[in-house]
Amino acid sequence: MNVSEQLLMVYCTCPDHDAAIKMANSIIDAELAGCINIVPGLTSIYRWQGKRQQGTEELLLIKTTSGVYPALQQFIVTEHAYELPEIIAVPIEVGLSEYLDWVRGSCTVSHNK
C-alpha cells in the first residue's frame, strides 16, 4: 500500500435509513472504505426527468482511498436503489495522521491496482 495515497471523502445519498445501513455495511464488508458516517434527515430538492422533486434522504460520508475509489464507485452503481446515485468524491487534504493511516489500512490492498 502506498502510504502517500490520496484519501477521499465520498458523498452518497440513500433513500432511507434501511438503505443507508445496508449500503454502508456492504461497503465496509467489501473493505472499500475505512469508515462511513450516516447523516439522517436530509431534505433534497432537485430536478429529475424535467420536474422539480423534493424528498428526504440519508447521506453517507465514506472515507476511502483513491486506489479503491474505482471499485467503490462500481459497487455503489451496481448495488444502489437509485437509477442514478449521487457519488461525489473530494480529496481529504489534512487530518490526524494516525486516523488517516488507519483509513488507508482499512481499505483492501487488492483493490489498489
PDB file of N, CA and C in Angstrom:
ATOM      1  N   MET A   1       0.852  -1.185   0.000  1.00  0.00           N
ATOM      2  CA  MET A   1       0.000   0.000   0.000  1.00  0.00           C
ATOM      3  C   MET A   1       0.887   1.234   0.000  1.00  0.00           C
ATOM      4  N   ASN A   2       0.519   2.197  -0.783  1.00  0.00           N
ATOM      5  CA  ASN A   2       1.239   3.463  -0.854  1.00  0.00           C
ATOM      6  C   ASN A   2       0.713   4.387   0.236  1.00  0.00           C
ATOM      7  N   VAL A   3       1.547   4.658   1.254  1.00  0.00           N
ATOM      8  CA  VAL A   3       1.113   5.470   2.392  1.00  0.00           C
ATOM      9  C   VAL A   3       0.745   6.885   1.957  1.00  0.00           C
ATOM     10  N   SER A   4       1.327   7.353   0.866  1.00  0.00           N
ATOM     11  CA  SER A   4       1.013   8.701   0.405  1.00  0.00           C
ATOM     12  C   SER A   4      -0.240   8.740  -0.476  1.00  0.00           C
ATOM     13  N   GLU A   5      -0.904   7.598  -0.660  1.00  0.00           N
ATOM     14  CA  GLU A   5      -2.100   7.546  -1.497  1.00  0.00           C
ATOM     15  C   GLU A   5      -3.154   8.542  -1.002  1.00  0.00           C
ATOM     16  N   GLN A   6      -3.764   9.246  -1.940  1.00  0.00           N
ATOM     17  CA  GLN A   6      -4.762  10.269  -1.622  1.00  0.00           C
ATOM     18  C   GLN A   6      -5.975   9.654  -0.931  1.00  0.00           C
ATOM     19  N   LEU A   7      -6.399  10.283   0.137  1.00  0.00           N
ATOM     20  CA  LEU A   7      -7.642   9.897   0.801  1.00  0.00           C
ATOM     21  C   LEU A   7      -8.773  10.726   0.235  1.00  0.00           C
ATOM     22  N   LEU A   8      -9.958  10.116   0.172  1.00  0.00           N
ATOM     23  CA  LEU A   8     -11.138  10.772  -0.374  1.00  0.00           C
ATOM     24  C   LEU A   8     -12.297  10.688   0.598  1.00  0.00           C
ATOM     25  N   MET A   9     -13.133  11.719   0.570  1.00  0.00           N
ATOM     26  CA  MET A   9     -14.429  11.684   1.233  1.00  0.00           C
ATOM     27  C   MET A   9     -15.446  11.564   0.102  1.00  0.00           C
ATOM     28  N   VAL A  10     -16.224  10.495   0.126  1.00  0.00           N
ATOM     29  CA  VAL A  10     -17.214  10.249  -0.917  1.00  0.00           C
ATOM     30  C   VAL A  10     -18.598  10.477  -0.324  1.00  0.00           C
ATOM     31  N   TYR A  11     -19.368  11.312  -0.997  1.00  0.00           N
ATOM     32  CA  TYR A  11     -20.741  11.600  -0.593  1.00  0.00           C
ATOM     33  C   TYR A  11     -21.688  10.761  -1.428  1.00  0.00           C
ATOM     34  N   CYS A  12     -22.628  10.110  -0.766  1.00  0.00           N
ATOM     35  CA  CYS A  12     -23.612   9.287  -1.476  1.00  0.00           C
ATOM     36  C   CYS A  12     -24.921   9.334  -0.693  1.00  0.00           C
ATOM     37  N   THR A  13     -25.986   9.763  -1.339  1.00  0.00           N
ATOM     38  CA  THR A  13     -27.286   9.800  -0.668  1.00  0.00           C
ATOM     39  C   THR A  13     -28.020   8.484  -0.867  1.00  0.00           C
ATOM     40  N   CYS A  14     -28.844   8.150   0.121  1.00  0.00           N
ATOM     41  CA  CYS A  14     -29.670   6.939   0.091  1.00  0.00           C
ATOM     42  C   CYS A  14     -31.118   7.332   0.388  1.00  0.00           C
ATOM     43  N   PRO A  15     -32.076   6.557  -0.108  1.00  0.00           N
ATOM     44  CA  PRO A  15     -33.478   6.946   0.020  1.00  0.00           C
ATOM     45  C   PRO A  15     -34.039   6.888   1.440  1.00  0.00           C
ATOM     46  N   ASP A  16     -33.461   6.054   2.304  1.00  0.00           N
ATOM     47  CA  ASP A  16     -33.977   5.928   3.668  1.00  0.00           C
ATOM     48  C   ASP A  16     -32.917   5.275   4.562  1.00  0.00           C
ATOM     49  N   HIS A  17     -33.237   5.158   5.839  1.00  0.00           N
ATOM     50  CA  HIS A  17     -32.266   4.647   6.804  1.00  0.00           C
ATOM     51  C   HIS A  17     -31.882   3.199   6.527  1.00  0.00           C
ATOM     52  N   ASP A  18     -32.857   2.364   6.217  1.00  0.00           N
ATOM     53  CA  ASP A  18     -32.549   0.954   5.955  1.00  0.00           C
ATOM     54  C   ASP A  18     -31.599   0.802   4.772  1.00  0.00           C
ATOM     55  N   ALA A  19     -31.841   1.562   3.700  1.00  0.00           N
ATOM     56  CA  ALA A  19     -30.965   1.505   2.528  1.00  0.00           C
ATOM     57  C   ALA A  19     -29.578   2.020   2.869  1.00  0.00           C
ATOM     58  N   ALA A  20     -29.489   3.067   3.695  1.00  0.00           N
ATOM     59  CA  ALA A  20     -28.200   3.629   4.091  1.00  0.00           C
ATOM     60  C   ALA A  20     -27.401   2.621   4.919  1.00  0.00           C
ATOM     61  N   ILE A  21     -28.048   1.977   5.871  1.00  0.00           N
ATOM     62  CA  ILE A  21     -27.389   0.969   6.714  1.00  0.00           C
ATOM     63  C   ILE A  21     -26.915  -0.201   5.858  1.00  0.00           C
ATOM     64  N   LYS A  22     -27.770  -0.662   4.966  1.00  0.00           N
ATOM     65  CA  LYS A  22     -27.412  -1.793   4.101  1.00  0.00           C
ATOM     66  C   LYS A  22     -26.213  -1.439   3.215  1.00  0.00           C
ATOM     67  N   MET A  23     -26.241  -0.266   2.599  1.00  0.00           N
ATOM     68  CA  MET A  23     -25.151   0.147   1.729  1.00  0.00           C
ATOM     69  C   MET A  23     -23.855   0.307   2.521  1.00  0.00           C
ATOM     70  N   ALA A  24     -23.922   0.964   3.673  1.00  0.00           N
ATOM     71  CA  ALA A  24     -22.730   1.176   4.498  1.00  0.00           C
ATOM     72  C   ALA A  24     -22.121  -0.154   4.936  1.00  0.00           C
ATOM     73  N   ASN A  25     -22.946  -1.059   5.420  1.00  0.00           N
ATOM     74  CA  ASN A  25     -22.442  -2.368   5.851  1.00  0.00           C
ATOM     75  C   ASN A  25     -21.809  -3.132   4.693  1.00  0.00           C
ATOM     76  N   SER A  26     -22.437  -3.083   3.530  1.00  0.00           N
ATOM     77  CA  SER A  26     -21.907  -3.795   2.362  1.00  0.00           C
ATOM     78  C   SER A  26     -20.560  -3.227   1.927  1.00  0.00           C
ATOM     79  N   ILE A  27     -20.431  -1.907   1.956  1.00  0.00           N
ATOM     80  CA  ILE A  27     -19.168  -1.263   1.568  1.00  0.00           C
ATOM     81  C   ILE A  27     -18.056  -1.624   2.552  1.00  0.00           C
ATOM     82  N   ILE A  28     -18.364  -1.575   3.834  1.00  0.00           N
ATOM     83  CA  ILE A  28     -17.371  -1.924   4.855  1.00  0.00           C
ATOM     84  C   ILE A  28     -16.999  -3.404   4.746  1.00  0.00           C
ATOM     85  N   ASP A  29     -17.989  -4.278   4.558  1.00  0.00           N
ATOM     86  CA  ASP A  29     -17.716  -5.708   4.427  1.00  0.00           C
ATOM     87  C   ASP A  29     -16.826  -6.003   3.216  1.00  0.00           C
ATOM     88  N   ALA A  30     -16.977  -5.215   2.154  1.00  0.00           N
ATOM     89  CA  ALA A  30     -16.149  -5.382   0.954  1.00  0.00           C
ATOM     90  C   ALA A  30     -14.786  -4.712   1.098  1.00  0.00           C
ATOM     91  N   GLU A  31     -14.537  -4.074   2.235  1.00  0.00           N
ATOM     92  CA  GLU A  31     -13.284  -3.379   2.531  1.00  0.00           C
ATOM     93  C   GLU A  31     -12.962  -2.293   1.510  1.00  0.00           C
ATOM     94  N   LEU A  32     -14.023  -1.582   1.102  1.00  0.00           N
ATOM     95  CA  LEU A  32     -13.876  -0.489   0.146  1.00  0.00           C
ATOM     96  C   LEU A  32     -13.793   0.870   0.832  1.00  0.00           C
ATOM     97  N   ALA A  33     -13.904   0.889   2.149  1.00  0.00           N
ATOM     98  CA  ALA A  33     -13.822   2.127   2.928  1.00  0.00           C
ATOM     99  C   ALA A  33     -13.374   1.795   4.339  1.00  0.00           C
ATOM    100  N   GLY A  34     -12.792   2.793   4.982  1.00  0.00           N
ATOM    101  CA  GLY A  34     -12.367   2.616   6.366  1.00  0.00           C
ATOM    102  C   GLY A  34     -13.469   2.936   7.355  1.00  0.00           C
ATOM    103  N   CYS A  35     -14.296   3.912   7.003  1.00  0.00           N
ATOM    104  CA  CYS A  35     -15.341   4.381   7.909  1.00  0.00           C
ATOM    105  C   CYS A  35     -16.437   5.038   7.083  1.00  0.00           C
ATOM    106  N   ILE A  36     -17.670   4.855   7.527  1.00  0.00           N
ATOM    107  CA  ILE A  36     -18.810   5.514   6.883  1.00  0.00           C
ATOM    108  C   ILE A  36     -19.698   6.093   7.975  1.00  0.00           C
ATOM    109  N   ASN A  37     -19.987   7.370   7.863  1.00  0.00           N
ATOM    110  CA  ASN A  37     -20.952   8.017   8.753  1.00  0.00           C
ATOM    111  C   ASN A  37     -22.259   8.158   8.001  1.00  0.00           C
ATOM    112  N   ILE A  38     -23.362   7.990   8.718  1.00  0.00           N
ATOM    113  CA  ILE A  38     -24.691   8.157   8.134  1.00  0.00           C
ATOM    114  C   ILE A  38     -25.323   9.390   8.761  1.00  0.00           C
ATOM    115  N   VAL A  39     -25.673  10.353   7.914  1.00  0.00           N
ATOM    116  CA  VAL A  39     -26.287  11.593   8.365  1.00  0.00           C
ATOM    117  C   VAL A  39     -27.762  11.544   7.977  1.00  0.00           C
ATOM    118  N   PRO A  40     -28.653  11.435   8.968  1.00  0.00           N
ATOM    119  CA  PRO A  40     -30.084  11.344   8.663  1.00  0.00           C
ATOM    120  C   PRO A  40     -30.719  12.722   8.476  1.00  0.00           C
ATOM    121  N   GLY A  41     -31.923  12.702   7.956  1.00  0.00           N
ATOM    122  CA  GLY A  41     -32.751  13.905   7.951  1.00  0.00           C
ATOM    123  C   GLY A  41     -32.455  14.928   6.887  1.00  0.00           C
ATOM    124  N   LEU A  42     -31.905  14.531   5.748  1.00  0.00           N
ATOM    125  CA  LEU A  42     -31.671  15.486   4.669  1.00  0.00           C
ATOM    126  C   LEU A  42     -32.967  15.719   3.896  1.00  0.00           C
ATOM    127  N   THR A  43     -33.177  16.944   3.495  1.00  0.00           N
ATOM    128  CA  THR A  43     -34.219  17.252   2.530  1.00  0.00           C
ATOM    129  C   THR A  43     -33.514  17.617   1.238  1.00  0.00           C
ATOM    130  N   SER A  44     -33.807  16.879   0.190  1.00  0.00           N
ATOM    131  CA  SER A  44     -33.178  17.120  -1.105  1.00  0.00           C
ATOM    132  C   SER A  44     -34.199  17.691  -2.078  1.00  0.00           C
ATOM    133  N   ILE A  45     -33.801  18.741  -2.769  1.00  0.00           N
ATOM    134  CA  ILE A  45     -34.625  19.359  -3.806  1.00  0.00           C
ATOM    135  C   ILE A  45     -33.799  19.318  -5.081  1.00  0.00           C
ATOM    136  N   TYR A  46     -34.367  18.754  -6.122  1.00  0.00           N
ATOM    137  CA  TYR A  46     -33.600  18.530  -7.337  1.00  0.00           C
ATOM    138  C   TYR A  46     -34.536  18.434  -8.543  1.00  0.00           C
ATOM    139  N   ARG A  47     -33.946  18.508  -9.728  1.00  0.00           N
ATOM    140  CA  ARG A  47     -34.702  18.338 -10.960  1.00  0.00           C
ATOM    141  C   ARG A  47     -34.392  16.950 -11.506  1.00  0.00           C
ATOM    142  N   TRP A  48     -35.426  16.167 -11.757  1.00  0.00           N
ATOM    143  CA  TRP A  48     -35.260  14.826 -12.290  1.00  0.00           C
ATOM    144  C   TRP A  48     -36.301  14.606 -13.369  1.00  0.00           C
ATOM    145  N   GLN A  49     -35.837  14.226 -14.541  1.00  0.00           N
ATOM    146  CA  GLN A  49     -36.690  13.972 -15.699  1.00  0.00           C
ATOM    147  C   GLN A  49     -37.615  15.156 -15.987  1.00  0.00           C
ATOM    148  N   GLY A  50     -37.004  16.367 -15.898  1.00  0.00           N
ATOM    149  CA  GLY A  50     -37.706  17.591 -16.256  1.00  0.00           C
ATOM    150  C   GLY A  50     -38.627  18.161 -15.199  1.00  0.00           C
ATOM    151  N   LYS A  51     -38.700  17.544 -14.033  1.00  0.00           N
ATOM    152  CA  LYS A  51     -39.606  18.021 -12.985  1.00  0.00           C
ATOM    153  C   LYS A  51     -38.843  18.243 -11.689  1.00  0.00           C
ATOM    154  N   ARG A  52     -39.235  19.316 -10.981  1.00  0.00           N
ATOM    155  CA  ARG A  52     -38.651  19.563  -9.666  1.00  0.00           C
ATOM    156  C   ARG A  52     -39.182  18.516  -8.707  1.00  0.00           C
ATOM    157  N   GLN A  53     -38.279  17.952  -7.928  1.00  0.00           N
ATOM    158  CA  GLN A  53     -38.622  16.909  -6.960  1.00  0.00           C
ATOM    159  C   GLN A  53     -38.169  17.355  -5.569  1.00  0.00           C
ATOM    160  N   GLN A  54     -38.780  16.787  -4.558  1.00  0.00           N
ATOM    161  CA  GLN A  54     -38.354  17.011  -3.178  1.00  0.00           C
ATOM    162  C   GLN A  54     -38.577  15.731  -2.409  1.00  0.00           C
ATOM    163  N   GLY A  55     -37.590  15.373  -1.581  1.00  0.00           N
ATOM    164  CA  GLY A  55     -37.726  14.168  -0.775  1.00  0.00           C
ATOM    165  C   GLY A  55     -36.720  14.149   0.352  1.00  0.00           C
ATOM    166  N   THR A  56     -36.895  13.189   1.232  1.00  0.00           N
ATOM    167  CA  THR A  56     -35.950  13.018   2.335  1.00  0.00           C
ATOM    168  C   THR A  56     -34.973  11.904   1.975  1.00  0.00           C
ATOM    169  N   GLU A  57     -33.752  12.075   2.436  1.00  0.00           N
ATOM    170  CA  GLU A  57     -32.693  11.105   2.174  1.00  0.00           C
ATOM    171  C   GLU A  57     -31.770  11.038   3.385  1.00  0.00           C
ATOM    172  N   GLU A  58     -30.857  10.074   3.339  1.00  0.00           N
ATOM    173  CA  GLU A  58     -29.775   9.995   4.312  1.00  0.00           C
ATOM    174  C   GLU A  58     -28.464  10.031   3.536  1.00  0.00           C
ATOM    175  N   LEU A  59     -27.469  10.702   4.101  1.00  0.00           N
ATOM    176  CA  LEU A  59     -26.191  10.904   3.435  1.00  0.00           C
ATOM    177  C   LEU A  59     -25.130   9.987   4.022  1.00  0.00           C
ATOM    178  N   LEU A  60     -24.428   9.276   3.146  1.00  0.00           N
ATOM    179  CA  LEU A  60     -23.264   8.513   3.562  1.00  0.00           C
ATOM    180  C   LEU A  60     -22.030   9.376   3.353  1.00  0.00           C
ATOM    181  N   LEU A  61     -21.189   9.462   4.378  1.00  0.00           N
ATOM    182  CA  LEU A  61     -19.874  10.097   4.295  1.00  0.00           C
ATOM    183  C   LEU A  61     -18.867   8.962   4.348  1.00  0.00           C
ATOM    184  N   ILE A  62     -18.317   8.624   3.198  1.00  0.00           N
ATOM    185  CA  ILE A  62     -17.487   7.438   3.037  1.00  0.00           C
ATOM    186  C   ILE A  62     -16.018   7.863   2.944  1.00  0.00           C
ATOM    187  N   LYS A  63     -15.187   7.352   3.850  1.00  0.00           N
ATOM    188  CA  LYS A  63     -13.753   7.636   3.814  1.00  0.00           C
ATOM    189  C   LYS A  63     -13.043   6.470   3.151  1.00  0.00           C
ATOM    190  N   THR A  64     -12.334   6.755   2.040  1.00  0.00           N
ATOM    191  CA  THR A  64     -11.661   5.719   1.263  1.00  0.00           C
ATOM    192  C   THR A  64     -10.390   6.274   0.651  1.00  0.00           C
ATOM    193  N   THR A  65      -9.753   5.486  -0.196  1.00  0.00           N
ATOM    194  CA  THR A  65      -8.530   5.917  -0.875  1.00  0.00           C
ATOM    195  C   THR A  65      -8.782   6.038  -2.377  1.00  0.00           C
ATOM    196  N   SER A  66      -7.920   6.797  -3.026  1.00  0.00           N
ATOM    197  CA  SER A  66      -8.049   6.975  -4.476  1.00  0.00           C
ATOM    198  C   SER A  66      -7.852   5.657  -5.225  1.00  0.00           C
ATOM    199  N   GLY A  67      -7.030   4.776  -4.698  1.00  0.00           N
ATOM    200  CA  GLY A  67      -6.818   3.486  -5.344  1.00  0.00           C
ATOM    201  C   GLY A  67      -8.027   2.578  -5.292  1.00  0.00           C
ATOM    202  N   VAL A  68      -8.803   2.692  -4.235  1.00  0.00           N
ATOM    203  CA  VAL A  68     -10.003   1.866  -4.058  1.00  0.00           C
ATOM    204  C   VAL A  68     -11.218   2.506  -4.731  1.00  0.00           C
ATOM    205  N   TYR A  69     -11.156   3.820  -4.977  1.00  0.00           N
ATOM    206  CA  TYR A  69     -12.328   4.545  -5.469  1.00  0.00           C
ATOM    207  C   TYR A  69     -13.004   3.924  -6.696  1.00  0.00           C
ATOM    208  N   PRO A  70     -12.289   3.525  -7.739  1.00  0.00           N
ATOM    209  CA  PRO A  70     -12.992   2.946  -8.894  1.00  0.00           C
ATOM    210  C   PRO A  70     -13.857   1.734  -8.530  1.00  0.00           C
ATOM    211  N   ALA A  71     -13.336   0.860  -7.666  1.00  0.00           N
ATOM    212  CA  ALA A  71     -14.117  -0.306  -7.233  1.00  0.00           C
ATOM    213  C   ALA A  71     -15.298   0.125  -6.371  1.00  0.00           C
ATOM    214  N   LEU A  72     -15.102   1.124  -5.517  1.00  0.00           N
ATOM    215  CA  LEU A  72     -16.194   1.644  -4.693  1.00  0.00           C
ATOM    216  C   LEU A  72     -17.295   2.230  -5.568  1.00  0.00           C
ATOM    217  N   GLN A  73     -16.912   3.036  -6.537  1.00  0.00           N
ATOM    218  CA  GLN A  73     -17.913   3.643  -7.424  1.00  0.00           C
ATOM    219  C   GLN A  73     -18.716   2.566  -8.155  1.00  0.00           C
ATOM    220  N   GLN A  74     -18.037   1.568  -8.699  1.00  0.00           N
ATOM    221  CA  GLN A  74     -18.747   0.495  -9.405  1.00  0.00           C
ATOM    222  C   GLN A  74     -19.668  -0.262  -8.461  1.00  0.00           C
ATOM    223  N   PHE A  75     -19.215  -0.501  -7.234  1.00  0.00           N
ATOM    224  CA  PHE A  75     -20.011  -1.197  -6.236  1.00  0.00           C
ATOM    225  C   PHE A  75     -21.300  -0.420  -5.953  1.00  0.00           C
ATOM    226  N   ILE A  76     -21.169   0.892  -5.729  1.00  0.00           N
ATOM    227  CA  ILE A  76     -22.344   1.714  -5.438  1.00  0.00           C
ATOM    228  C   ILE A  76     -23.299   1.717  -6.625  1.00  0.00           C
ATOM    229  N   VAL A  77     -22.791   1.923  -7.834  1.00  0.00           N
ATOM    230  CA  VAL A  77     -23.645   1.950  -9.029  1.00  0.00           C
ATOM    231  C   VAL A  77     -24.419   0.639  -9.155  1.00  0.00           C
ATOM    232  N   THR A  78     -23.757  -0.479  -8.890  1.00  0.00           N
ATOM    233  CA  THR A  78     -24.390  -1.793  -9.022  1.00  0.00           C
ATOM    234  C   THR A  78     -25.421  -2.062  -7.930  1.00  0.00           C
ATOM    235  N   GLU A  79     -25.117  -1.659  -6.702  1.00  0.00           N
ATOM    236  CA  GLU A  79     -25.942  -2.033  -5.552  1.00  0.00           C
ATOM    237  C   GLU A  79     -26.984  -0.997  -5.136  1.00  0.00           C
ATOM    238  N   HIS A  80     -26.890   0.214  -5.627  1.00  0.00           N
ATOM    239  CA  HIS A  80     -27.729   1.309  -5.147  1.00  0.00           C
ATOM    240  C   HIS A  80     -29.157   1.187  -5.649  1.00  0.00           C
ATOM    241  N   ALA A  81     -30.099   1.670  -4.842  1.00  0.00           N
ATOM    242  CA  ALA A  81     -31.519   1.646  -5.202  1.00  0.00           C
ATOM    243  C   ALA A  81     -31.859   2.659  -6.294  1.00  0.00           C
ATOM    244  N   TYR A  82     -31.080   3.716  -6.406  1.00  0.00           N
ATOM    245  CA  TYR A  82     -31.374   4.757  -7.390  1.00  0.00           C
ATOM    246  C   TYR A  82     -30.855   4.382  -8.779  1.00  0.00           C
ATOM    247  N   GLU A  83     -31.578   4.826  -9.778  1.00  0.00           N
ATOM    248  CA  GLU A  83     -31.142   4.672 -11.164  1.00  0.00           C
ATOM    249  C   GLU A  83     -29.840   5.435 -11.405  1.00  0.00           C
ATOM    250  N   LEU A  84     -29.736   6.607 -10.785  1.00  0.00           N
ATOM    251  CA  LEU A  84     -28.551   7.459 -10.922  1.00  0.00           C
ATOM    252  C   LEU A  84     -28.142   7.949  -9.531  1.00  0.00           C
ATOM    253  N   PRO A  85     -27.317   7.167  -8.821  1.00  0.00           N
ATOM    254  CA  PRO A  85     -26.944   7.558  -7.462  1.00  0.00           C
ATOM    255  C   PRO A  85     -25.981   8.742  -7.441  1.00  0.00           C
ATOM    256  N   GLU A  86     -26.110   9.540  -6.398  1.00  0.00           N
ATOM    257  CA  GLU A  86     -25.145  10.613  -6.164  1.00  0.00           C
ATOM    258  C   GLU A  86     -23.862   9.983  -5.648  1.00  0.00           C
ATOM    259  N   ILE A  87     -22.772  10.209  -6.364  1.00  0.00           N
ATOM    260  CA  ILE A  87     -21.445   9.764  -5.932  1.00  0.00           C
ATOM    261  C   ILE A  87     -20.494  10.915  -6.237  1.00  0.00           C
ATOM    262  N   ILE A  88     -20.055  11.588  -5.187  1.00  0.00           N
ATOM    263  CA  ILE A  88     -19.161  12.728  -5.336  1.00  0.00           C
ATOM    264  C   ILE A  88     -17.977  12.507  -4.407  1.00  0.00           C
ATOM    265  N   ALA A  89     -16.782  12.552  -4.969  1.00  0.00           N
ATOM    266  CA  ALA A  89     -15.576  12.350  -4.172  1.00  0.00           C
ATOM    267  C   ALA A  89     -14.768  13.640  -4.125  1.00  0.00           C
ATOM    268  N   VAL A  90     -14.324  13.992  -2.926  1.00  0.00           N
ATOM    269  CA  VAL A  90     -13.458  15.157  -2.747  1.00  0.00           C
ATOM    270  C   VAL A  90     -12.221  14.718  -1.961  1.00  0.00           C
ATOM    271  N   PRO A  91     -11.083  15.312  -2.273  1.00  0.00           N
ATOM    272  CA  PRO A  91      -9.863  14.924  -1.562  1.00  0.00           C
ATOM    273  C   PRO A  91      -9.880  15.384  -0.113  1.00  0.00           C
ATOM    274  N   ILE A  92      -9.326  14.559   0.736  1.00  0.00           N
ATOM    275  CA  ILE A  92      -9.094  14.933   2.134  1.00  0.00           C
ATOM    276  C   ILE A  92      -7.687  15.506   2.178  1.00  0.00           C
ATOM    277  N   GLU A  93      -7.590  16.794   2.436  1.00  0.00           N
ATOM    278  CA  GLU A  93      -6.301  17.482   2.388  1.00  0.00           C
ATOM    279  C   GLU A  93      -5.477  17.286   3.653  1.00  0.00           C
ATOM    280  N   VAL A  94      -6.113  17.385   4.809  1.00  0.00           N
ATOM    281  CA  VAL A  94      -5.393  17.250   6.072  1.00  0.00           C
ATOM    282  C   VAL A  94      -6.284  16.561   7.090  1.00  0.00           C
ATOM    283  N   GLY A  95      -5.656  16.023   8.110  1.00  0.00           N
ATOM    284  CA  GLY A  95      -6.372  15.376   9.197  1.00  0.00           C
ATOM    285  C   GLY A  95      -5.364  14.744  10.140  1.00  0.00           C
ATOM    286  N   LEU A  96      -5.848  14.173  11.202  1.00  0.00           N
ATOM    287  CA  LEU A  96      -4.995  13.491  12.170  1.00  0.00           C
ATOM    288  C   LEU A  96      -4.291  12.343  11.461  1.00  0.00           C
ATOM    289  N   SER A  97      -2.981  12.372  11.413  1.00  0.00           N
ATOM    290  CA  SER A  97      -2.231  11.403  10.604  1.00  0.00           C
ATOM    291  C   SER A  97      -2.508   9.960  11.012  1.00  0.00           C
ATOM    292  N   GLU A  98      -2.657   9.705  12.304  1.00  0.00           N
ATOM    293  CA  GLU A  98      -2.949   8.340  12.754  1.00  0.00           C
ATOM    294  C   GLU A  98      -4.315   7.868  12.231  1.00  0.00           C
ATOM    295  N   TYR A  99      -5.299   8.759  12.212  1.00  0.00           N
ATOM    296  CA  TYR A  99      -6.622   8.402  11.683  1.00  0.00           C
ATOM    297  C   TYR A  99      -6.536   8.153  10.179  1.00  0.00           C
ATOM    298  N   LEU A 100      -5.846   9.039   9.468  1.00  0.00           N
ATOM    299  CA  LEU A 100      -5.729   8.891   8.022  1.00  0.00           C
ATOM    300  C   LEU A 100      -4.994   7.601   7.664  1.00  0.00           C
ATOM    301  N   ASP A 101      -3.961   7.251   8.433  1.00  0.00           N
ATOM    302  CA  ASP A 101      -3.257   5.988   8.210  1.00  0.00           C
ATOM    303  C   ASP A 101      -4.184   4.799   8.452  1.00  0.00           C
ATOM    304  N   TRP A 102      -5.019   4.902   9.475  1.00  0.00           N
ATOM    305  CA  TRP A 102      -5.972   3.835   9.779  1.00  0.00           C
ATOM    306  C   TRP A 102      -6.953   3.646   8.616  1.00  0.00           C
ATOM    307  N   VAL A 103      -7.454   4.757   8.049  1.00  0.00           N
ATOM    308  CA  VAL A 103      -8.362   4.656   6.897  1.00  0.00           C
ATOM    309  C   VAL A 103      -7.651   3.937   5.755  1.00  0.00           C
ATOM    310  N   ARG A 104      -6.433   4.367   5.445  1.00  0.00           N
ATOM    311  CA  ARG A 104      -5.668   3.718   4.370  1.00  0.00           C
ATOM    312  C   ARG A 104      -5.538   2.218   4.608  1.00  0.00           C
ATOM    313  N   GLY A 105      -5.231   1.852   5.844  1.00  0.00           N
ATOM    314  CA  GLY A 105      -5.036   0.447   6.177  1.00  0.00           C
ATOM    315  C   GLY A 105      -6.324  -0.367   6.195  1.00  0.00           C
ATOM    316  N   SER A 106      -7.459   0.306   6.262  1.00  0.00           N
ATOM    317  CA  SER A 106      -8.756  -0.379   6.315  1.00  0.00           C
ATOM    318  C   SER A 106      -9.320  -0.701   4.939  1.00  0.00           C
ATOM    319  N   CYS A 107      -8.723  -0.139   3.906  1.00  0.00           N
ATOM    320  CA  CYS A 107      -9.174  -0.391   2.532  1.00  0.00           C
ATOM    321  C   CYS A 107      -8.317  -1.501   1.952  1.00  0.00           C
ATOM    322  N   THR A 108      -8.956  -2.505   1.374  1.00  0.00           N
ATOM    323  CA  THR A 108      -8.250  -3.679   0.878  1.00  0.00           C
ATOM    324  C   THR A 108      -7.198  -3.330  -0.160  1.00  0.00           C
ATOM    325  N   VAL A 109      -6.008  -3.821   0.054  1.00  0.00           N
ATOM    326  CA  VAL A 109      -4.901  -3.588  -0.858  1.00  0.00           C
ATOM    327  C   VAL A 109      -5.203  -4.170  -2.229  1.00  0.00           C
ATOM    328  N   SER A 110      -5.932  -5.280  -2.298  1.00  0.00           N
ATOM    329  CA  SER A 110      -6.209  -5.919  -3.582  1.00  0.00           C
ATOM    330  C   SER A 110      -7.008  -5.011  -4.518  1.00  0.00           C
ATOM    331  N   HIS A 111      -7.711  -4.025  -3.976  1.00  0.00           N
ATOM    332  CA  HIS A 111      -8.446  -3.075  -4.807  1.00  0.00           C
ATOM    333  C   HIS A 111      -7.522  -1.997  -5.343  1.00  0.00           C
ATOM    334  N   ASN A 112      -6.351  -1.837  -4.749  1.00  0.00           N
ATOM    335  CA  ASN A 112      -5.413  -0.781  -5.138  1.00  0.00           C
ATOM    336  C   ASN A 112      -4.573  -1.236  -6.330  1.00  0.00           C
ATOM    337  N   LYS A 113      -5.106  -1.117  -7.513  1.00  0.00           N
ATOM    338  CA  LYS A 113      -4.398  -1.546  -8.718  1.00  0.00           C
ATOM    339  C   LYS A 113      -4.171  -0.383  -9.625  1.00  0.00           C
TER     340      LYS A 113
END
